[in-house]
C-alpha atoms as a PDB file:
ATOM      1  CA  MET A   1     134.174  87.618 -46.482  1.00  0.00           C
ATOM      2  CA  LYS A   2     133.544  89.350 -50.286  1.00  0.00           C
ATOM      3  CA  GLY A   3     131.601  86.856 -52.265  1.00  0.00           C
ATOM      4  CA  LYS A   4     130.016  85.085 -48.686  1.00  0.00           C
ATOM      5  CA  LEU A   5     127.849  87.841 -47.932  1.00  0.00           C
ATOM      6  CA  LEU A   6     124.723  89.354 -49.822  1.00  0.00           C
ATOM      7  CA  SER A   7     124.392  93.289 -50.153  1.00  0.00           C
ATOM      8  CA  LYS A   8     120.966  93.847 -48.381  1.00  0.00           C
ATOM      9  CA  ALA A   9     119.315  94.840 -51.628  1.00  0.00           C
ATOM     10  CA  GLY A  10     120.775  91.460 -52.890  1.00  0.00           C
ATOM     11  CA  ALA A  11     119.445  89.682 -49.677  1.00  0.00           C
ATOM     12  CA  LEU A  12     115.814  91.194 -50.554  1.00  0.00           C
ATOM     13  CA  THR A  13     116.249  89.940 -53.839  1.00  0.00           C
ATOM     14  CA  PHE A  14     117.404  86.637 -52.937  1.00  0.00           C
ATOM     15  CA  VAL A  15     114.492  86.235 -50.522  1.00  0.00           C
ATOM     16  CA  SER A  16     111.874  87.441 -52.485  1.00  0.00           C
ATOM     17  CA  ALA A  17     112.774  85.411 -55.293  1.00  0.00           C
ATOM     18  CA  ILE A  18     112.755  82.389 -52.745  1.00  0.00           C
ATOM     19  CA  ALA A  19     109.389  83.462 -52.230  1.00  0.00           C
ATOM     20  CA  ALA A  20     107.425  83.645 -55.593  1.00  0.00           C
ATOM     21  CA  ALA A  21     108.711  79.910 -55.911  1.00  0.00           C
ATOM     22  CA  MET A  22     107.724  78.805 -52.995  1.00  0.00           C
ATOM     23  CA  PRO A  23     103.851  77.938 -54.228  1.00  0.00           C
ATOM     24  CA  ALA A  24     105.400  76.463 -57.211  1.00  0.00           C
ATOM     25  CA  TRP A  25     107.945  74.109 -55.388  1.00  0.00           C
ATOM     26  CA  CYS A  26     104.883  73.282 -52.846  1.00  0.00           C
ATOM     27  CA  GLN A  27     102.456  72.069 -55.768  1.00  0.00           C
ATOM     28  CA  ALA A  28     105.339  70.144 -56.895  1.00  0.00           C
ATOM     29  CA  GLN A  29     105.865  68.366 -53.638  1.00  0.00           C
ATOM     30  CA  GLY A  30     102.789  65.332 -53.657  1.00  0.00           C
ATOM     31  CA  GLU A  31     102.991  65.384 -49.544  1.00  0.00           C
ATOM     32  CA  GLN A  32     102.937  68.979 -49.387  1.00  0.00           C
ATOM     33  CA  TYR A  33      99.359  69.161 -51.229  1.00  0.00           C
ATOM     34  CA  PRO A  34      97.524  70.704 -50.556  1.00  0.00           C
ATOM     35  CA  TYR A  35      98.794  74.442 -48.966  1.00  0.00           C
ATOM     36  CA  ARG A  36      95.755  76.034 -49.597  1.00  0.00           C
ATOM     37  CA  PRO A  37      91.724  75.620 -49.612  1.00  0.00           C
ATOM     38  CA  ILE A  38      90.351  73.615 -51.982  1.00  0.00           C
ATOM     39  CA  ARG A  39      87.112  74.491 -53.738  1.00  0.00           C
ATOM     40  CA  LEU A  40      84.355  71.410 -54.530  1.00  0.00           C
ATOM     41  CA  ILE A  41      81.823  72.360 -57.116  1.00  0.00           C
ATOM     42  CA  GLN A  42      78.954  71.057 -56.625  1.00  0.00           C
ATOM     43  CA  PRO A  43      76.356  71.319 -60.098  1.00  0.00           C
ATOM     44  CA  PHE A  44      73.431  71.634 -58.050  1.00  0.00           C
ATOM     45  CA  PRO A  45      71.792  73.774 -56.121  1.00  0.00           C
ATOM     46  CA  PRO A  46      71.820  73.536 -52.189  1.00  0.00           C
ATOM     47  CA  GLY A  47      69.148  71.045 -50.470  1.00  0.00           C
ATOM     48  CA  GLY A  48      69.608  68.467 -52.793  1.00  0.00           C
ATOM     49  CA  GLY A  49      71.146  64.741 -52.217  1.00  0.00           C
ATOM     50  CA  ALA A  50      74.545  65.471 -53.981  1.00  0.00           C
ATOM     51  CA  ASP A  51      74.580  68.806 -51.427  1.00  0.00           C
ATOM     52  CA  VAL A  52      73.808  67.195 -48.674  1.00  0.00           C
ATOM     53  CA  ALA A  53      76.809  64.399 -49.689  1.00  0.00           C
ATOM     54  CA  ALA A  54      79.412  67.025 -50.805  1.00  0.00           C
ATOM     55  CA  ARG A  55      79.312  68.784 -47.379  1.00  0.00           C
ATOM     56  CA  PHE A  56      79.454  65.683 -45.056  1.00  0.00           C
ATOM     57  CA  VAL A  57      82.403  64.488 -47.183  1.00  0.00           C
ATOM     58  CA  GLY A  58      83.929  67.698 -47.912  1.00  0.00           C
ATOM     59  CA  GLN A  59      83.849  68.455 -44.089  1.00  0.00           C
ATOM     60  CA  GLY A  60      85.800  64.976 -43.273  1.00  0.00           C
ATOM     61  CA  LEU A  61      88.131  65.598 -45.595  1.00  0.00           C
ATOM     62  CA  SER A  62      88.883  69.266 -44.517  1.00  0.00           C
ATOM     63  CA  GLU A  63      89.635  67.436 -40.855  1.00  0.00           C
ATOM     64  CA  ARG A  64      91.787  64.907 -42.753  1.00  0.00           C
ATOM     65  CA  LEU A  65      93.606  67.779 -44.697  1.00  0.00           C
ATOM     66  CA  GLY A  66      93.964  70.567 -42.715  1.00  0.00           C
ATOM     67  CA  GLN A  67      92.556  72.293 -44.971  1.00  0.00           C
ATOM     68  CA  THR A  68      89.351  74.063 -45.729  1.00  0.00           C
ATOM     69  CA  ILE A  69      87.113  72.431 -48.417  1.00  0.00           C
ATOM     70  CA  VAL A  70      84.453  75.201 -50.116  1.00  0.00           C
ATOM     71  CA  VAL A  71      81.656  73.485 -51.423  1.00  0.00           C
ATOM     72  CA  ASP A  72      80.814  75.875 -54.281  1.00  0.00           C
ATOM     73  CA  ASN A  73      77.037  75.514 -55.559  1.00  0.00           C
ATOM     74  CA  ARG A  74      77.136  76.209 -59.262  1.00  0.00           C
ATOM     75  CA  GLY A  75      73.590  74.708 -60.257  1.00  0.00           C
ATOM     76  CA  GLY A  76      71.777  75.138 -63.427  1.00  0.00           C
ATOM     77  CA  ALA A  77      71.226  72.876 -66.954  1.00  0.00           C
ATOM     78  CA  GLY A  78      70.898  70.003 -65.373  1.00  0.00           C
ATOM     79  CA  GLY A  79      74.280  70.176 -63.735  1.00  0.00           C
ATOM     80  CA  SER A  80      76.250  71.413 -66.963  1.00  0.00           C
ATOM     81  CA  ILE A  81      77.164  75.222 -65.913  1.00  0.00           C
ATOM     82  CA  GLY A  82      78.817  73.991 -62.421  1.00  0.00           C
ATOM     83  CA  THR A  83      80.880  71.120 -64.580  1.00  0.00           C
ATOM     84  CA  GLU A  84      81.672  73.602 -67.614  1.00  0.00           C
ATOM     85  CA  ILE A  85      83.362  75.881 -64.807  1.00  0.00           C
ATOM     86  CA  ALA A  86      85.264  73.050 -63.691  1.00  0.00           C
ATOM     87  CA  THR A  87      86.664  72.058 -66.782  1.00  0.00           C
ATOM     88  CA  GLN A  88      87.829  75.776 -67.011  1.00  0.00           C
ATOM     89  CA  SER A  89      89.566  75.602 -63.624  1.00  0.00           C
ATOM     90  CA  SER A  90      93.680  74.973 -63.528  1.00  0.00           C
ATOM     91  CA  PRO A  91      94.103  71.250 -63.086  1.00  0.00           C
ATOM     92  CA  ASP A  92      96.403  72.140 -60.240  1.00  0.00           C
ATOM     93  CA  GLY A  93      94.065  69.951 -57.791  1.00  0.00           C
ATOM     94  CA  TYR A  94      92.483  73.271 -56.343  1.00  0.00           C
ATOM     95  CA  THR A  95      89.439  72.759 -57.816  1.00  0.00           C
ATOM     96  CA  LEU A  96      87.368  69.346 -57.761  1.00  0.00           C
ATOM     97  CA  LEU A  97      83.935  68.599 -58.850  1.00  0.00           C
ATOM     98  CA  MET A  98      81.387  66.606 -57.411  1.00  0.00           C
ATOM     99  CA  ALA A  99      80.027  64.266 -60.125  1.00  0.00           C
ATOM    100  CA  THR A 100      76.711  62.356 -60.172  1.00  0.00           C
ATOM    101  CA  ALA A 101      75.519  59.656 -63.155  1.00  0.00           C
ATOM    102  CA  SER A 102      73.772  62.436 -64.111  1.00  0.00           C
ATOM    103  CA  THR A 103      75.721  65.430 -64.682  1.00  0.00           C
ATOM    104  CA  ILE A 104      78.930  63.344 -66.200  1.00  0.00           C
ATOM    105  CA  VAL A 105      77.444  60.827 -68.007  1.00  0.00           C
ATOM    106  CA  ILE A 106      73.162  61.459 -68.927  1.00  0.00           C
ATOM    107  CA  ASN A 107      73.143  65.036 -69.241  1.00  0.00           C
ATOM    108  CA  PRO A 108      76.136  65.136 -72.367  1.00  0.00           C
ATOM    109  CA  LEU A 109      74.109  62.263 -73.571  1.00  0.00           C
ATOM    110  CA  VAL A 110      71.085  64.097 -74.239  1.00  0.00           C
ATOM    111  CA  ASN A 111      71.986  67.856 -73.970  1.00  0.00           C
ATOM    112  CA  LYS A 112      74.345  70.223 -75.906  1.00  0.00           C
ATOM    113  CA  VAL A 113      77.119  70.546 -73.295  1.00  0.00           C
ATOM    114  CA  ARG A 114      80.654  72.275 -73.665  1.00  0.00           C
ATOM    115  CA  PHE A 115      82.484  69.376 -72.498  1.00  0.00           C
ATOM    116  CA  GLU A 116      83.682  65.528 -72.879  1.00  0.00           C
ATOM    117  CA  PRO A 117      83.614  63.510 -69.886  1.00  0.00           C
ATOM    118  CA  ILE A 118      86.543  61.428 -70.651  1.00  0.00           C
ATOM    119  CA  ARG A 119      88.296  63.752 -72.483  1.00  0.00           C
ATOM    120  CA  ASP A 120      87.938  66.675 -69.682  1.00  0.00           C
ATOM    121  CA  PHE A 121      87.976  65.169 -66.540  1.00  0.00           C
ATOM    122  CA  ASP A 122      90.447  62.509 -64.285  1.00  0.00           C
ATOM    123  CA  ALA A 123      88.517  60.300 -61.820  1.00  0.00           C
ATOM    124  CA  VAL A 124      89.108  60.574 -58.499  1.00  0.00           C
ATOM    125  CA  VAL A 125      87.138  58.545 -55.830  1.00  0.00           C
ATOM    126  CA  HIS A 126      83.482  56.723 -56.144  1.00  0.00           C
ATOM    127  CA  ILE A 127      81.886  57.932 -53.276  1.00  0.00           C
ATOM    128  CA  ALA A 128      78.205  56.552 -53.192  1.00  0.00           C
ATOM    129  CA  ASN A 129      75.677  54.787 -54.670  1.00  0.00           C
ATOM    130  CA  VAL A 130      72.238  56.245 -53.827  1.00  0.00           C
ATOM    131  CA  PRO A 131      68.986  54.439 -54.710  1.00  0.00           C
ATOM    132  CA  LEU A 132      66.084  56.622 -55.885  1.00  0.00           C
ATOM    133  CA  ILE A 133      62.618  56.585 -54.408  1.00  0.00           C
ATOM    134  CA  LEU A 134      59.426  57.100 -56.299  1.00  0.00           C
ATOM    135  CA  VAL A 135      57.508  59.736 -54.017  1.00  0.00           C
ATOM    136  CA  VAL A 136      54.460  61.612 -54.445  1.00  0.00           C
ATOM    137  CA  HIS A 137      52.688  63.864 -52.963  1.00  0.00           C
ATOM    138  CA  PRO A 138      50.409  62.939 -50.021  1.00  0.00           C
ATOM    139  CA  ALA A 139      47.121  64.031 -51.686  1.00  0.00           C
ATOM    140  CA  VAL A 140      47.670  61.658 -54.951  1.00  0.00           C
ATOM    141  CA  PRO A 141      45.156  59.192 -54.462  1.00  0.00           C
ATOM    142  CA  ALA A 142      48.079  56.554 -55.567  1.00  0.00           C
ATOM    143  CA  LYS A 143      49.199  54.821 -52.213  1.00  0.00           C
ATOM    144  CA  SER A 144      51.120  51.871 -54.323  1.00  0.00           C
ATOM    145  CA  VAL A 145      52.688  51.939 -57.959  1.00  0.00           C
ATOM    146  CA  ARG A 146      50.258  49.792 -59.449  1.00  0.00           C
ATOM    147  CA  GLU A 147      47.582  52.455 -58.586  1.00  0.00           C
ATOM    148  CA  LEU A 148      49.891  55.437 -60.151  1.00  0.00           C
ATOM    149  CA  ILE A 149      50.236  53.258 -63.468  1.00  0.00           C
ATOM    150  CA  ALA A 150      46.233  53.040 -63.258  1.00  0.00           C
ATOM    151  CA  MET A 151      45.953  56.686 -63.064  1.00  0.00           C
ATOM    152  CA  ALA A 152      48.228  56.803 -65.632  1.00  0.00           C
ATOM    153  CA  LYS A 153      47.007  55.160 -68.080  1.00  0.00           C
ATOM    154  CA  ALA A 154      43.044  56.183 -67.172  1.00  0.00           C
ATOM    155  CA  LYS A 155      43.959  60.159 -68.024  1.00  0.00           C
ATOM    156  CA  PRO A 156      47.476  60.076 -69.811  1.00  0.00           C
ATOM    157  CA  GLY A 157      48.859  63.204 -70.104  1.00  0.00           C
ATOM    158  CA  THR A 158      47.802  64.428 -66.864  1.00  0.00           C
ATOM    159  CA  ILE A 159      50.416  63.327 -64.050  1.00  0.00           C
ATOM    160  CA  ASN A 160      53.339  65.573 -63.815  1.00  0.00           C
ATOM    161  CA  PHE A 161      56.634  64.234 -62.435  1.00  0.00           C
ATOM    162  CA  ALA A 162      59.561  66.618 -61.468  1.00  0.00           C
ATOM    163  CA  SER A 163      63.088  66.197 -61.787  1.00  0.00           C
ATOM    164  CA  SER A 164      66.426  67.800 -60.803  1.00  0.00           C
ATOM    165  CA  GLY A 165      67.061  69.284 -64.659  1.00  0.00           C
ATOM    166  CA  GLU A 166      66.804  68.091 -68.328  1.00  0.00           C
ATOM    167  CA  GLY A 167      69.192  65.151 -68.517  1.00  0.00           C
ATOM    168  CA  THR A 168      69.740  64.184 -65.384  1.00  0.00           C
ATOM    169  CA  ILE A 169      68.915  60.448 -63.900  1.00  0.00           C
ATOM    170  CA  SER A 170      65.600  61.772 -62.032  1.00  0.00           C
ATOM    171  CA  HIS A 171      64.565  62.262 -65.558  1.00  0.00           C
ATOM    172  CA  LEU A 172      65.673  59.270 -67.533  1.00  0.00           C
ATOM    173  CA  ALA A 173      64.717  57.301 -64.591  1.00  0.00           C
ATOM    174  CA  GLY A 174      60.905  59.005 -65.331  1.00  0.00           C
ATOM    175  CA  GLU A 175      61.630  58.456 -68.841  1.00  0.00           C
ATOM    176  CA  LEU A 176      62.149  54.580 -67.866  1.00  0.00           C
ATOM    177  CA  PHE A 177      59.398  54.314 -66.170  1.00  0.00           C
ATOM    178  CA  LYS A 178      57.169  55.272 -68.556  1.00  0.00           C
ATOM    179  CA  VAL A 179      58.578  53.218 -71.299  1.00  0.00           C
ATOM    180  CA  LEU A 180      58.476  49.696 -69.136  1.00  0.00           C
ATOM    181  CA  THR A 181      54.653  50.694 -68.031  1.00  0.00           C
ATOM    182  CA  ALA A 182      53.435  52.225 -71.518  1.00  0.00           C
ATOM    183  CA  THR A 183      52.412  55.286 -69.753  1.00  0.00           C
ATOM    184  CA  ASP A 184      52.493  58.873 -70.529  1.00  0.00           C
ATOM    185  CA  MET A 185      53.440  61.528 -67.651  1.00  0.00           C
ATOM    186  CA  VAL A 186      54.782  64.976 -68.168  1.00  0.00           C
ATOM    187  CA  HIS A 187      58.019  65.735 -67.450  1.00  0.00           C
ATOM    188  CA  VAL A 188      58.933  68.818 -65.286  1.00  0.00           C
ATOM    189  CA  PRO A 189      62.184  69.840 -65.057  1.00  0.00           C
ATOM    190  CA  TYR A 190      63.887  71.924 -62.232  1.00  0.00           C
ATOM    191  CA  ARG A 191      67.390  73.336 -61.094  1.00  0.00           C
ATOM    192  CA  GLY A 192      68.173  70.817 -59.036  1.00  0.00           C
ATOM    193  CA  GLY A 193      66.867  68.384 -56.279  1.00  0.00           C
ATOM    194  CA  GLY A 194      65.755  70.587 -53.778  1.00  0.00           C
ATOM    195  CA  PRO A 195      63.785  72.988 -55.631  1.00  0.00           C
ATOM    196  CA  ALA A 196      61.926  69.779 -57.461  1.00  0.00           C
ATOM    197  CA  ARG A 197      61.381  68.251 -53.853  1.00  0.00           C
ATOM    198  CA  THR A 198      60.296  71.721 -53.008  1.00  0.00           C
ATOM    199  CA  ALA A 199      57.433  71.995 -55.650  1.00  0.00           C
ATOM    200  CA  LEU A 200      56.108  68.220 -54.882  1.00  0.00           C
ATOM    201  CA  MET A 201      55.936  69.007 -51.247  1.00  0.00           C
ATOM    202  CA  GLY A 202      54.196  72.466 -52.618  1.00  0.00           C
ATOM    203  CA  GLY A 203      51.743  70.670 -55.100  1.00  0.00           C
ATOM    204  CA  GLN A 204      52.918  71.723 -58.045  1.00  0.00           C
ATOM    205  CA  VAL A 205      53.703  68.341 -59.099  1.00  0.00           C
ATOM    206  CA  GLN A 206      52.233  64.695 -58.611  1.00  0.00           C
ATOM    207  CA  VAL A 207      55.598  62.608 -58.804  1.00  0.00           C
ATOM    208  CA  ASN A 208      58.983  62.260 -58.672  1.00  0.00           C
ATOM    209  CA  PHE A 209      61.761  60.109 -58.779  1.00  0.00           C
ATOM    210  CA  GLY A 210      63.952  61.745 -56.065  1.00  0.00           C
ATOM    211  CA  ASN A 211      67.429  61.272 -54.197  1.00  0.00           C
ATOM    212  CA  MET A 212      66.873  58.931 -51.691  1.00  0.00           C
ATOM    213  CA  LEU A 213      69.467  60.449 -49.380  1.00  0.00           C
ATOM    214  CA  ALA A 214      67.587  64.030 -49.524  1.00  0.00           C
ATOM    215  CA  SER A 215      63.944  62.355 -49.785  1.00  0.00           C
ATOM    216  CA  ALA A 216      64.362  59.959 -46.733  1.00  0.00           C
ATOM    217  CA  ALA A 217      63.396  62.910 -43.679  1.00  0.00           C
ATOM    218  CA  ASP A 218      60.596  64.071 -45.688  1.00  0.00           C
ATOM    219  CA  VAL A 219      59.102  60.531 -46.188  1.00  0.00           C
ATOM    220  CA  ARG A 220      59.161  59.806 -42.715  1.00  0.00           C
ATOM    221  CA  ALA A 221      57.399  63.172 -41.668  1.00  0.00           C
ATOM    222  CA  GLY A 222      55.137  62.284 -43.706  1.00  0.00           C
ATOM    223  CA  ARG A 223      55.483  65.372 -46.382  1.00  0.00           C
ATOM    224  CA  LEU A 224      55.725  63.029 -49.318  1.00  0.00           C
ATOM    225  CA  ARG A 225      54.509  59.073 -49.785  1.00  0.00           C
ATOM    226  CA  ALA A 226      57.072  56.624 -50.677  1.00  0.00           C
ATOM    227  CA  LEU A 227      56.148  54.377 -53.622  1.00  0.00           C
ATOM    228  CA  ALA A 228      59.200  51.990 -54.266  1.00  0.00           C
ATOM    229  CA  VAL A 229      62.583  52.488 -54.457  1.00  0.00           C
ATOM    230  CA  SER A 230      64.925  52.242 -57.817  1.00  0.00           C
ATOM    231  CA  VAL A 231      67.018  49.425 -56.674  1.00  0.00           C
ATOM    232  CA  ALA A 232      67.018  45.684 -57.029  1.00  0.00           C
ATOM    233  CA  ARG A 233      67.016  44.932 -53.519  1.00  0.00           C
ATOM    234  CA  ARG A 234      65.147  46.266 -50.715  1.00  0.00           C
ATOM    235  CA  THR A 235      67.010  49.379 -48.516  1.00  0.00           C
ATOM    236  CA  LYS A 236      68.149  49.079 -45.081  1.00  0.00           C
ATOM    237  CA  GLY A 237      67.391  52.656 -44.788  1.00  0.00           C
ATOM    238  CA  MET A 238      63.432  52.196 -45.583  1.00  0.00           C
ATOM    239  CA  PRO A 239      63.153  48.307 -45.537  1.00  0.00           C
ATOM    240  CA  ASP A 240      59.385  48.933 -45.680  1.00  0.00           C
ATOM    241  CA  VAL A 241      59.420  50.189 -49.133  1.00  0.00           C
ATOM    242  CA  PRO A 242      59.481  47.849 -51.762  1.00  0.00           C
ATOM    243  CA  THR A 243      61.383  47.699 -54.889  1.00  0.00           C
ATOM    244  CA  MET A 244      59.897  48.653 -58.072  1.00  0.00           C
ATOM    245  CA  GLN A 245      60.451  45.325 -59.343  1.00  0.00           C
ATOM    246  CA  GLU A 246      58.439  43.702 -56.539  1.00  0.00           C
ATOM    247  CA  ALA A 247      55.514  46.449 -57.510  1.00  0.00           C
ATOM    248  CA  GLY A 248      55.329  45.132 -60.720  1.00  0.00           C
ATOM    249  CA  VAL A 249      57.556  46.910 -63.132  1.00  0.00           C
ATOM    250  CA  ALA A 250      59.556  44.156 -64.179  1.00  0.00           C
ATOM    251  CA  GLY A 251      63.930  44.965 -65.031  1.00  0.00           C
ATOM    252  CA  TYR A 252      63.640  48.638 -63.624  1.00  0.00           C
ATOM    253  CA  GLU A 253      66.901  49.415 -61.899  1.00  0.00           C
ATOM    254  CA  VAL A 254      68.306  53.147 -61.183  1.00  0.00           C
ATOM    255  CA  ILE A 255      71.449  54.020 -59.283  1.00  0.00           C
ATOM    256  CA  GLN A 256      72.536  57.158 -59.097  1.00  0.00           C
ATOM    257  CA  TRP A 257      76.160  57.499 -58.234  1.00  0.00           C
ATOM    258  CA  SER A 258      78.560  60.422 -56.583  1.00  0.00           C
ATOM    259  CA  GLY A 259      82.108  60.690 -56.809  1.00  0.00           C
ATOM    260  CA  MET A 260      84.821  63.272 -56.944  1.00  0.00           C
ATOM    261  CA  LEU A 261      86.330  64.289 -60.519  1.00  0.00           C
ATOM    262  CA  ALA A 262      89.470  66.352 -61.519  1.00  0.00           C
ATOM    263  CA  PRO A 263      90.124  68.677 -64.328  1.00  0.00           C
ATOM    264  CA  HIS A 264      92.336  66.738 -66.670  1.00  0.00           C
ATOM    265  CA  GLY A 265      95.860  67.207 -66.407  1.00  0.00           C
ATOM    266  CA  VAL A 266      95.984  67.073 -62.095  1.00  0.00           C
ATOM    267  CA  PRO A 267      99.260  65.801 -61.298  1.00  0.00           C
ATOM    268  CA  ARG A 268      98.390  62.236 -60.091  1.00  0.00           C
ATOM    269  CA  SER A 269      99.875  62.342 -56.555  1.00  0.00           C
ATOM    270  CA  HIS A 270      97.589  64.885 -55.979  1.00  0.00           C
ATOM    271  CA  ILE A 271      94.812  62.589 -57.543  1.00  0.00           C
ATOM    272  CA  ASP A 272      95.955  59.549 -55.322  1.00  0.00           C
ATOM    273  CA  ARG A 273      96.298  62.058 -52.266  1.00  0.00           C
ATOM    274  CA  ILE A 274      92.619  62.907 -52.499  1.00  0.00           C
ATOM    275  CA  ASN A 275      91.520  59.534 -53.140  1.00  0.00           C
ATOM    276  CA  ARG A 276      93.421  58.111 -50.302  1.00  0.00           C
ATOM    277  CA  GLU A 277      91.890  60.888 -47.846  1.00  0.00           C
ATOM    278  CA  VAL A 278      88.317  60.316 -49.076  1.00  0.00           C
ATOM    279  CA  ASN A 279      88.250  56.568 -48.520  1.00  0.00           C
ATOM    280  CA  ALA A 280      89.735  57.213 -45.152  1.00  0.00           C
ATOM    281  CA  VAL A 281      86.663  59.526 -44.435  1.00  0.00           C
ATOM    282  CA  LEU A 282      84.226  56.857 -46.296  1.00  0.00           C
ATOM    283  CA  ASP A 283      85.716  54.095 -43.812  1.00  0.00           C
ATOM    284  CA  GLN A 284      84.779  55.968 -40.722  1.00  0.00           C
ATOM    285  CA  PRO A 285      81.256  54.693 -39.079  1.00  0.00           C
ATOM    286  CA  ARG A 286      79.818  58.089 -39.087  1.00  0.00           C
ATOM    287  CA  THR A 287      80.009  58.085 -42.806  1.00  0.00           C
ATOM    288  CA  GLN A 288      78.776  54.839 -42.777  1.00  0.00           C
ATOM    289  CA  GLN A 289      75.770  55.936 -40.876  1.00  0.00           C
ATOM    290  CA  PHE A 290      75.660  59.216 -42.534  1.00  0.00           C
ATOM    291  CA  PHE A 291      74.890  57.271 -45.636  1.00  0.00           C
ATOM    292  CA  LEU A 292      73.111  53.964 -44.473  1.00  0.00           C
ATOM    293  CA  LYS A 293      70.342  56.146 -42.678  1.00  0.00           C
ATOM    294  CA  GLY A 294      69.553  57.593 -46.478  1.00  0.00           C
ATOM    295  CA  GLY A 295      69.335  54.144 -47.501  1.00  0.00           C
ATOM    296  CA  SER A 296      72.649  54.683 -49.651  1.00  0.00           C
ATOM    297  CA  GLU A 297      75.915  52.939 -49.468  1.00  0.00           C
ATOM    298  CA  ALA A 298      79.521  54.596 -49.285  1.00  0.00           C
ATOM    299  CA  VAL A 299      81.770  52.814 -51.892  1.00  0.00           C
ATOM    300  CA  GLY A 300      85.257  54.255 -52.227  1.00  0.00           C
ATOM    301  CA  GLY A 301      87.511  52.424 -54.000  1.00  0.00           C
ATOM    302  CA  THR A 302      90.746  53.453 -56.513  1.00  0.00           C
ATOM    303  CA  SER A 303      90.609  56.131 -59.071  1.00  0.00           C
ATOM    304  CA  GLN A 304      90.801  53.670 -62.043  1.00  0.00           C
ATOM    305  CA  ALA A 305      87.700  51.250 -60.968  1.00  0.00           C
ATOM    306  CA  PHE A 306      85.743  54.778 -60.758  1.00  0.00           C
ATOM    307  CA  GLY A 307      87.334  55.590 -63.868  1.00  0.00           C
ATOM    308  CA  THR A 308      85.956  52.450 -65.446  1.00  0.00           C
ATOM    309  CA  LEU A 309      82.660  52.332 -64.335  1.00  0.00           C
ATOM    310  CA  ILE A 310      81.975  56.173 -65.808  1.00  0.00           C
ATOM    311  CA  LYS A 311      82.701  54.688 -69.169  1.00  0.00           C
ATOM    312  CA  SER A 312      80.439  51.718 -68.972  1.00  0.00           C
ATOM    313  CA  GLU A 313      77.816  53.699 -67.305  1.00  0.00           C
ATOM    314  CA  ILE A 314      77.959  55.825 -70.407  1.00  0.00           C
ATOM    315  CA  ALA A 315      76.979  53.036 -72.648  1.00  0.00           C
ATOM    316  CA  LYS A 316      74.051  51.629 -70.606  1.00  0.00           C
ATOM    317  CA  TRP A 317      72.678  55.090 -70.619  1.00  0.00           C
ATOM    318  CA  ASN A 318      72.937  55.445 -74.129  1.00  0.00           C
ATOM    319  CA  LYS A 319      71.002  52.505 -74.806  1.00  0.00           C
ATOM    320  CA  VAL A 320      68.455  53.835 -71.904  1.00  0.00           C
ATOM    321  CA  ILE A 321      67.990  56.729 -73.872  1.00  0.00           C
ATOM    322  CA  LYS A 322      67.520  55.315 -77.125  1.00  0.00           C
ATOM    323  CA  GLN A 323      64.848  53.000 -75.723  1.00  0.00           C
ATOM    324  CA  ALA A 324      63.123  56.141 -74.241  1.00  0.00           C
ATOM    325  CA  LYS A 325      63.309  57.839 -78.055  1.00  0.00           C
ATOM    326  CA  LEU A 326      64.773  60.710 -76.635  1.00  0.00           C
ATOM    327  CA  LYS A 327      67.251  62.760 -78.924  1.00  0.00           C
ATOM    328  CA  SER A 328      70.727  61.397 -78.021  1.00  0.00           C
ATOM    329  CA  LYS A 329      74.021  63.192 -78.611  1.00  0.00           C
ATOM    330  CA  ARG A 330      76.123  59.745 -79.724  1.00  0.00           C
END
């Protein structure tokens, strides 16, 4: 038996070594991932459209993976605080970022941030396209976009529009509106879409180019008045609300997309697993209905296609920033 049996001390040492090696072994096996909870950083406060979508998709992903998805709200600085936290995380697949056009494209073009979208992140999956909706406080006299433009031109600089932060898509949507309508409105940034919408309903500001998914319920309840949607066609969620182009603003189209990113260097097998499972969640009828109710569209697709979209969006919004005469970092 000598040479075939381990002493008690040797056995304990052997078992301890195996136990210590298990996490690394599991991590190396694509099908074993994930073996512990995943943190999904949502770089805005609770209540905004991106937060609502992150929690819904996160729940569906959790059910498919059999692991908890912890939505971690890290709002501030137009989404850059949470995004920077994601870049500092280990590229092991256990920290993901819920990104939007605002956080990963526009903000780095307008503000000084400590991350580079293409260098520091790998695309995982495109989740949804969400129209913006031009909404006003019910006390605002304007019942249409044309009336709002007339008000803004009659009293330049007296109308305030709220955004989810400096350098977000709701900010740029307002700036593009000003450029195309030759009006002067004052930008008031907040720490997220939720706080911006709350300020609007409280009468602290008059206008918001908000996420349609988050604003739809307030419009239906009469707490906000919808004047137009930002896309080229009327939405199924709010078919009675005209498009901005129908309302007289030629050439206006803005889409807020969302998707998951991973810190650069996450194993390809992990990215493929998350992509596959999120696509399955997006194909579910309940998910399709969730996004449709808010006038948005579940997308999905490959991680490569999402990465291509991000690069094209950087070029597009860099051009808009120059048209609006905002300071660009590129």
